């Protein structure tokens, strides 16, 4: 039995209005479709909502290439 209960809020984002992804999350965000703005968008969302963990299904190579910039965000 768990002694400590932690509330987990799920944020989902996608470039398109994908109901099967966005409608099951606590919070959903439509991503920018501009590739040049992706890093800025992601880092702003992480900071604004104090997101601790990312689960990436697609574009994993892009996220790995930008891991340093994503992880260095101020707390």
C-alpha atoms as a PDB file:
ATOM      1  CA  UNK A   1       0.000   0.000   0.000  1.00  0.00           C
ATOM      2  CA  UNK A   2       1.304   3.453  -0.858  1.00  0.00           C
ATOM      3  CA  UNK A   3       1.926   5.759   2.065  1.00  0.00           C
ATOM      4  CA  UNK A   4       2.438   8.918   0.060  1.00  0.00           C
ATOM      5  CA  UNK A   5       0.007   9.917  -2.609  1.00  0.00           C
ATOM      6  CA  UNK A   6       1.290  12.177  -5.344  1.00  0.00           C
ATOM      7  CA  UNK A   7      -1.022  13.952  -7.725  1.00  0.00           C
ATOM      8  CA  UNK A   8       0.187  13.650 -11.278  1.00  0.00           C
ATOM      9  CA  UNK A   9      -1.121  16.066 -13.875  1.00  0.00           C
ATOM     10  CA  UNK A  10      -0.757  15.021 -17.486  1.00  0.00           C
ATOM     11  CA  UNK A  11      -0.056  17.620 -20.165  1.00  0.00           C
ATOM     12  CA  UNK A  12      -0.369  16.597 -23.792  1.00  0.00           C
ATOM     13  CA  UNK A  13       0.654  18.526 -26.855  1.00  0.00           C
ATOM     14  CA  UNK A  14       0.446  17.965 -30.571  1.00  0.00           C
ATOM     15  CA  UNK A  15       0.635  20.049 -33.721  1.00  0.00           C
ATOM     16  CA  UNK A  16      -2.838  18.935 -34.763  1.00  0.00           C
ATOM     17  CA  UNK A  17      -6.086  18.581 -32.839  1.00  0.00           C
ATOM     18  CA  UNK A  18      -5.640  14.858 -32.158  1.00  0.00           C
ATOM     19  CA  UNK A  19      -8.515  13.912 -29.867  1.00  0.00           C
ATOM     20  CA  UNK A  20      -7.023  10.551 -28.879  1.00  0.00           C
ATOM     21  CA  UNK A  21      -3.964  12.395 -27.547  1.00  0.00           C
ATOM     22  CA  UNK A  22      -5.231  15.741 -26.329  1.00  0.00           C
ATOM     23  CA  UNK A  23      -8.628  14.861 -24.880  1.00  0.00           C
ATOM     24  CA  UNK A  24      -7.333  12.273 -22.407  1.00  0.00           C
ATOM     25  CA  UNK A  25      -4.884  14.622 -20.670  1.00  0.00           C
ATOM     26  CA  UNK A  26      -5.594  16.967 -17.787  1.00  0.00           C
ATOM     27  CA  UNK A  27      -4.244  19.837 -19.906  1.00  0.00           C
ATOM     28  CA  UNK A  28      -3.776  19.938 -23.663  1.00  0.00           C
ATOM     29  CA  UNK A  29      -1.808  22.346 -25.800  1.00  0.00           C
ATOM     30  CA  UNK A  30      -1.627  22.748 -29.570  1.00  0.00           C
ATOM     31  CA  UNK A  31       2.021  23.007 -30.577  1.00  0.00           C
ATOM     32  CA  UNK A  32       3.359  25.518 -33.039  1.00  0.00           C
ATOM     33  CA  UNK A  33       3.616  24.117 -36.547  1.00  0.00           C
ATOM     34  CA  UNK A  34       6.723  26.190 -37.214  1.00  0.00           C
ATOM     35  CA  UNK A  35       9.794  24.009 -36.814  1.00  0.00           C
ATOM     36  CA  UNK A  36      11.955  27.038 -36.004  1.00  0.00           C
ATOM     37  CA  UNK A  37       9.771  27.834 -32.957  1.00  0.00           C
ATOM     38  CA  UNK A  38       9.594  24.318 -31.492  1.00  0.00           C
ATOM     39  CA  UNK A  39      12.409  24.690 -28.958  1.00  0.00           C
ATOM     40  CA  UNK A  40      11.121  28.038 -27.755  1.00  0.00           C
ATOM     41  CA  UNK A  41       7.596  26.655 -27.461  1.00  0.00           C
ATOM     42  CA  UNK A  42       8.681  23.565 -25.519  1.00  0.00           C
ATOM     43  CA  UNK A  43      10.897  25.458 -23.093  1.00  0.00           C
ATOM     44  CA  UNK A  44       8.221  28.082 -22.411  1.00  0.00           C
ATOM     45  CA  UNK A  45       5.625  25.392 -21.668  1.00  0.00           C
ATOM     46  CA  UNK A  46       8.038  23.538 -19.359  1.00  0.00           C
ATOM     47  CA  UNK A  47       8.791  26.696 -17.393  1.00  0.00           C
ATOM     48  CA  UNK A  48       5.230  28.015 -17.261  1.00  0.00           C
ATOM     49  CA  UNK A  49       3.669  24.770 -16.057  1.00  0.00           C
ATOM     50  CA  UNK A  50       6.675  23.485 -14.068  1.00  0.00           C
ATOM     51  CA  UNK A  51       6.841  20.233 -15.994  1.00  0.00           C
ATOM     52  CA  UNK A  52       9.303  17.699 -14.604  1.00  0.00           C
ATOM     53  CA  UNK A  53       9.097  14.796 -17.054  1.00  0.00           C
ATOM     54  CA  UNK A  54       8.664  14.572 -20.824  1.00  0.00           C
ATOM     55  CA  UNK A  55       7.436  11.463 -22.589  1.00  0.00           C
ATOM     56  CA  UNK A  56       8.129  11.774 -26.292  1.00  0.00           C
ATOM     57  CA  UNK A  57       6.590   9.355 -28.765  1.00  0.00           C
ATOM     58  CA  UNK A  58       7.645  10.895 -32.073  1.00  0.00           C
ATOM     59  CA  UNK A  59      10.496  13.219 -32.942  1.00  0.00           C
ATOM     60  CA  UNK A  60      12.697  11.567 -30.328  1.00  0.00           C
ATOM     61  CA  UNK A  61      15.838  12.325 -32.322  1.00  0.00           C
ATOM     62  CA  UNK A  62      15.004  16.043 -32.313  1.00  0.00           C
ATOM     63  CA  UNK A  63      14.408  16.009 -28.550  1.00  0.00           C
ATOM     64  CA  UNK A  64      17.674  14.175 -27.912  1.00  0.00           C
ATOM     65  CA  UNK A  65      19.540  16.691 -30.071  1.00  0.00           C
ATOM     66  CA  UNK A  66      18.050  19.525 -27.971  1.00  0.00           C
ATOM     67  CA  UNK A  67      18.146  17.799 -24.588  1.00  0.00           C
ATOM     68  CA  UNK A  68      20.762  20.163 -23.182  1.00  0.00           C
ATOM     69  CA  UNK A  69      18.764  23.292 -24.027  1.00  0.00           C
ATOM     70  CA  UNK A  70      15.563  21.739 -22.674  1.00  0.00           C
ATOM     71  CA  UNK A  71      17.129  20.533 -19.409  1.00  0.00           C
ATOM     72  CA  UNK A  72      18.999  23.749 -18.610  1.00  0.00           C
ATOM     73  CA  UNK A  73      15.802  25.713 -18.004  1.00  0.00           C
ATOM     74  CA  UNK A  74      15.777  27.691 -14.752  1.00  0.00           C
ATOM     75  CA  UNK A  75      13.776  26.297 -11.871  1.00  0.00           C
END
